[in-house]
N, C-alpha and C. Protein backbone atom coordinates (compact mmCIF):
# COMPACT_ATOMS: atom_id res chain seq x y z
N UNK A 1 92.98 209.49 80.85
CA UNK A 1 94.22 208.44 80.75
C UNK A 1 93.89 207.21 80.69
N UNK A 2 94.01 206.24 79.55
CA UNK A 2 93.49 204.73 79.49
C UNK A 2 93.88 203.90 80.67
N UNK A 3 93.08 202.83 80.82
CA UNK A 3 93.74 202.24 81.74
C UNK A 3 93.88 200.79 80.99
N UNK A 4 94.84 199.85 81.20
CA UNK A 4 94.94 198.69 80.60
C UNK A 4 95.83 197.68 81.78
N UNK A 5 94.86 196.34 81.87
CA UNK A 5 95.18 195.43 82.77
C UNK A 5 95.88 194.25 81.87
N UNK A 6 96.62 193.57 82.57
CA UNK A 6 97.80 192.93 82.38
C UNK A 6 97.44 191.68 82.93
N UNK A 7 97.64 190.56 82.57
CA UNK A 7 97.92 189.18 82.96
C UNK A 7 99.12 188.58 82.45
N UNK A 8 99.43 187.18 83.14
CA UNK A 8 100.68 186.61 83.10
C UNK A 8 100.55 185.88 81.70
N UNK A 9 99.02 185.82 81.26
CA UNK A 9 99.32 185.02 79.71
C UNK A 9 98.90 186.71 78.88
N UNK A 10 98.92 187.42 79.16
CA UNK A 10 98.78 188.30 78.32
C UNK A 10 100.21 188.42 77.31
N UNK A 11 99.60 188.54 75.88
CA UNK A 11 101.02 188.55 74.69
C UNK A 11 101.48 190.27 74.81
N UNK A 12 102.98 190.31 75.31
CA UNK A 12 103.98 191.49 75.26
C UNK A 12 103.63 192.52 74.13
N UNK A 13 103.79 191.87 73.22
CA UNK A 13 103.38 192.45 71.62
C UNK A 13 102.14 192.81 71.68
N UNK A 14 101.03 192.57 72.19
CA UNK A 14 99.54 192.93 71.87
C UNK A 14 99.51 194.18 72.66
N UNK A 15 99.99 193.72 73.96
CA UNK A 15 99.95 194.57 74.93
C UNK A 15 100.47 196.29 74.39
N UNK A 16 101.85 196.06 74.11
CA UNK A 16 102.35 196.90 72.98
C UNK A 16 101.72 197.96 72.43
N UNK A 17 101.20 196.89 71.78
CA UNK A 17 100.26 197.73 70.65
C UNK A 17 99.31 198.94 71.41
N UNK A 18 98.63 197.85 72.32
CA UNK A 18 97.40 198.94 73.07
C UNK A 18 97.93 200.06 73.79
N UNK A 19 99.45 199.91 74.33
CA UNK A 19 99.99 201.01 75.09
C UNK A 19 100.46 202.27 74.15
N UNK A 20 100.74 201.58 73.27
CA UNK A 20 101.27 202.83 71.77
C UNK A 20 100.10 203.51 71.22
N UNK A 21 98.90 202.95 71.01
CA UNK A 21 97.77 203.40 70.28
C UNK A 21 97.31 204.59 71.78
N UNK A 22 97.51 204.02 72.62
CA UNK A 22 96.58 204.82 73.91
C UNK A 22 97.26 206.09 74.17
N UNK A 23 98.44 206.06 73.85
CA UNK A 23 99.57 206.76 74.48
C UNK A 23 99.47 208.27 73.18
N UNK A 24 99.19 207.41 71.62
CA UNK A 24 99.06 208.35 70.99
C UNK A 24 97.83 209.04 70.57
N UNK A 25 96.93 208.46 71.47
CA UNK A 25 95.31 208.79 71.59
C UNK A 25 95.17 209.51 72.81
N UNK A 26 95.70 209.53 73.44
CA UNK A 26 95.51 210.27 75.21
C UNK A 26 96.33 210.72 75.96
N UNK A 27 97.69 210.05 75.44
CA UNK A 27 99.02 210.88 76.11
C UNK A 27 99.44 210.31 77.36
N UNK A 28 98.57 209.41 78.03
CA UNK A 28 99.01 209.05 78.78
C UNK A 28 98.29 207.53 79.25
N UNK A 29 99.07 206.18 79.94
CA UNK A 29 98.49 205.34 80.42
C UNK A 29 98.77 204.56 81.61
N UNK A 30 97.77 203.93 81.86
CA UNK A 30 98.13 203.51 83.32
C UNK A 30 97.79 201.74 82.91
N UNK A 31 98.98 200.95 83.72
CA UNK A 31 98.88 199.77 83.24
C UNK A 31 99.26 199.14 84.49
N UNK A 32 97.82 198.17 84.67
CA UNK A 32 97.93 197.52 85.96
C UNK A 32 98.46 196.00 86.08
N UNK A 33 99.09 195.15 86.93
CA UNK A 33 99.38 193.91 86.88
C UNK A 33 99.34 193.13 88.04
N UNK A 34 98.90 192.06 88.27
CA UNK A 34 98.77 191.79 89.72
C UNK A 34 99.76 190.08 89.67
N UNK A 35 101.02 189.76 90.15
CA UNK A 35 101.59 188.95 90.12
C UNK A 35 102.72 189.25 89.08
N UNK A 36 104.17 188.11 89.78
CA UNK A 36 105.13 188.39 89.62
C UNK A 36 105.17 188.48 87.50
N UNK A 37 104.34 187.45 87.09
CA UNK A 37 104.28 186.98 85.95
C UNK A 37 103.97 188.34 84.87
N UNK A 38 102.68 188.73 85.48
CA UNK A 38 102.22 189.85 84.92
C UNK A 38 102.49 191.12 84.85
N UNK A 39 103.55 191.22 85.71
CA UNK A 39 104.37 192.36 85.92
C UNK A 39 105.35 192.34 85.18
N UNK A 40 106.01 190.79 84.77
CA UNK A 40 107.13 190.71 83.58
C UNK A 40 106.23 191.03 82.30
N UNK A 41 105.18 190.53 81.90
CA UNK A 41 104.57 190.62 80.77
C UNK A 41 104.49 192.53 80.85
N UNK A 42 103.61 193.22 81.68
CA UNK A 42 103.82 194.31 81.23
C UNK A 42 104.69 195.07 81.06
N UNK A 43 105.75 195.10 81.94
CA UNK A 43 107.64 195.53 81.94
C UNK A 43 107.83 195.34 80.20
N UNK A 44 107.57 194.29 79.84
CA UNK A 44 108.20 193.57 78.22
C UNK A 44 107.16 194.78 77.27
N UNK A 45 106.19 194.65 77.51
CA UNK A 45 105.55 195.60 76.47
C UNK A 45 105.58 196.83 76.77
N UNK A 46 106.09 197.42 78.16
CA UNK A 46 106.41 199.05 77.77
C UNK A 46 107.32 199.05 77.07
N UNK A 47 108.52 198.26 76.94
CA UNK A 47 109.79 197.96 76.40
C UNK A 47 109.39 198.24 74.73
N UNK A 48 108.40 197.23 74.57
CA UNK A 48 108.51 197.20 73.23
C UNK A 48 107.65 198.64 72.59
N UNK A 49 106.46 198.91 73.39
CA UNK A 49 106.01 200.08 72.80
C UNK A 49 106.88 201.17 73.22
N UNK A 50 107.97 201.35 73.77
CA UNK A 50 108.76 202.71 73.34
C UNK A 50 110.13 202.15 71.96
N UNK A 51 109.79 201.03 71.68
CA UNK A 51 110.10 200.86 70.33
C UNK A 51 109.34 201.10 69.22
N UNK A 52 107.63 200.96 69.62
CA UNK A 52 106.82 201.38 68.30
C UNK A 52 106.92 203.01 68.50
N UNK A 53 107.08 203.57 69.53
CA UNK A 53 106.66 205.12 69.88
C UNK A 53 108.03 206.03 69.11
N UNK A 54 109.00 205.73 69.38
CA UNK A 54 110.54 206.01 69.02
C UNK A 54 110.25 207.06 67.84
N UNK A 55 110.08 205.77 66.75
CA UNK A 55 110.26 206.51 65.40
C UNK A 55 109.13 207.79 65.57
N UNK A 56 108.24 207.94 65.89
CA UNK A 56 107.35 208.86 66.00
C UNK A 56 107.78 210.33 66.64
N UNK A 57 109.02 209.61 67.05
CA UNK A 57 109.62 211.06 67.97
C UNK A 57 109.07 211.31 69.51
N UNK A 58 108.34 210.12 69.83
CA UNK A 58 107.84 209.85 71.21
C UNK A 58 108.25 209.17 72.11
N UNK A 59 109.42 210.08 72.90
CA UNK A 59 109.79 208.81 74.09
C UNK A 59 108.96 208.69 75.54
N UNK A 60 108.91 207.56 75.91
CA UNK A 60 107.87 207.39 77.13
C UNK A 60 108.67 207.50 78.32
N UNK A 61 108.28 207.70 79.79
CA UNK A 61 108.93 207.29 80.72
C UNK A 61 107.46 206.24 81.66
N UNK A 62 108.16 205.65 82.77
CA UNK A 62 107.28 205.09 83.02
C UNK A 62 107.60 204.93 84.84
N UNK A 63 106.25 205.05 85.41
CA UNK A 63 106.51 205.37 86.63
C UNK A 63 105.75 204.14 87.78
N UNK A 64 106.56 203.65 88.25
CA UNK A 64 105.53 202.65 88.91
C UNK A 64 105.17 202.99 90.62
N UNK A 65 104.10 202.41 91.31
CA UNK A 65 103.23 202.27 92.15
C UNK A 65 102.54 201.54 92.39
N UNK A 66 102.32 201.26 93.94
CA UNK A 66 101.31 199.90 94.08
C UNK A 66 100.23 200.94 94.41
N UNK A 67 98.89 199.81 94.06
CA UNK A 67 97.61 200.26 94.20
C UNK A 67 96.64 198.90 95.17
N UNK A 68 95.56 198.99 94.84
CA UNK A 68 95.01 198.14 95.58
C UNK A 68 93.73 198.20 94.96
N UNK A 69 93.33 196.97 94.08
CA UNK A 69 92.22 196.38 93.40
C UNK A 69 91.46 195.58 94.07
N UNK A 70 90.13 195.58 93.92
CA UNK A 70 89.29 194.58 94.14
C UNK A 70 89.27 193.32 93.17
N UNK A 71 89.40 192.07 93.28
CA UNK A 71 89.22 190.91 92.50
C UNK A 71 88.12 189.96 93.02
N UNK A 72 87.19 189.89 92.65
CA UNK A 72 86.28 188.65 93.38
C UNK A 72 85.99 189.02 94.84
N UNK A 73 85.39 190.50 95.16
CA UNK A 73 85.69 190.39 96.36
C UNK A 73 86.70 190.87 97.33
N UNK A 74 87.58 190.44 96.76
CA UNK A 74 88.76 190.49 97.79
C UNK A 74 89.82 191.25 97.16
N UNK A 75 90.39 192.33 98.63
CA UNK A 75 91.42 193.32 97.88
C UNK A 75 92.58 192.81 97.60
N UNK A 76 93.30 192.73 96.51
CA UNK A 76 94.59 192.53 95.98
C UNK A 76 95.39 194.01 95.68
N UNK A 77 96.61 193.58 96.51
CA UNK A 77 97.66 194.13 95.91
C UNK A 77 98.17 194.53 94.15
N UNK A 78 98.23 195.29 93.76
CA UNK A 78 98.81 195.29 92.23
C UNK A 78 99.93 196.49 91.81
N UNK A 79 100.42 196.58 91.14
CA UNK A 79 101.91 197.26 90.70
C UNK A 79 100.71 197.82 89.38
N UNK A 80 100.94 199.79 89.97
CA UNK A 80 100.54 200.48 88.80
C UNK A 80 101.66 201.19 88.14
N UNK A 81 101.74 201.07 87.02
CA UNK A 81 102.74 201.81 86.28
C UNK A 81 101.91 202.82 85.00
N UNK A 82 102.23 203.81 85.82
CA UNK A 82 102.05 205.35 84.42
C UNK A 82 102.96 205.58 83.21
N UNK A 83 102.49 205.45 82.24
CA UNK A 83 103.49 205.44 81.01
C UNK A 83 103.30 206.97 80.62
N UNK A 84 104.34 207.55 80.63
CA UNK A 84 103.74 209.10 80.09
C UNK A 84 105.05 209.47 79.10
N UNK A 85 104.81 210.50 78.49
CA UNK A 85 105.95 211.28 77.41
C UNK A 85 106.94 211.94 78.49
N UNK A 86 108.16 211.61 77.94
CA UNK A 86 109.20 212.47 78.59
C UNK A 86 109.56 213.52 77.74
N UNK A 87 109.86 214.56 78.83
CA UNK A 87 109.54 216.31 78.33
C UNK A 87 111.15 216.55 78.37
């Protein structure tokens, strides 16, 4: 599974391309975001990636959850979005 980290400054279209490429290669992607702006960009990227993948017959779903990550030695709560094919 590929891991993609998103910040508030990430370009949604660029992240969407990374998600679509990883879905085609690995079949499953974990997207992590810390903060409201980053979560916003991550969700927009997943929506755009669905549009990139749909013409190839691949429909994806997103499963949200919390996770904890270390940032500069400090534990932070992040949003983890698992993107996988819809069967």
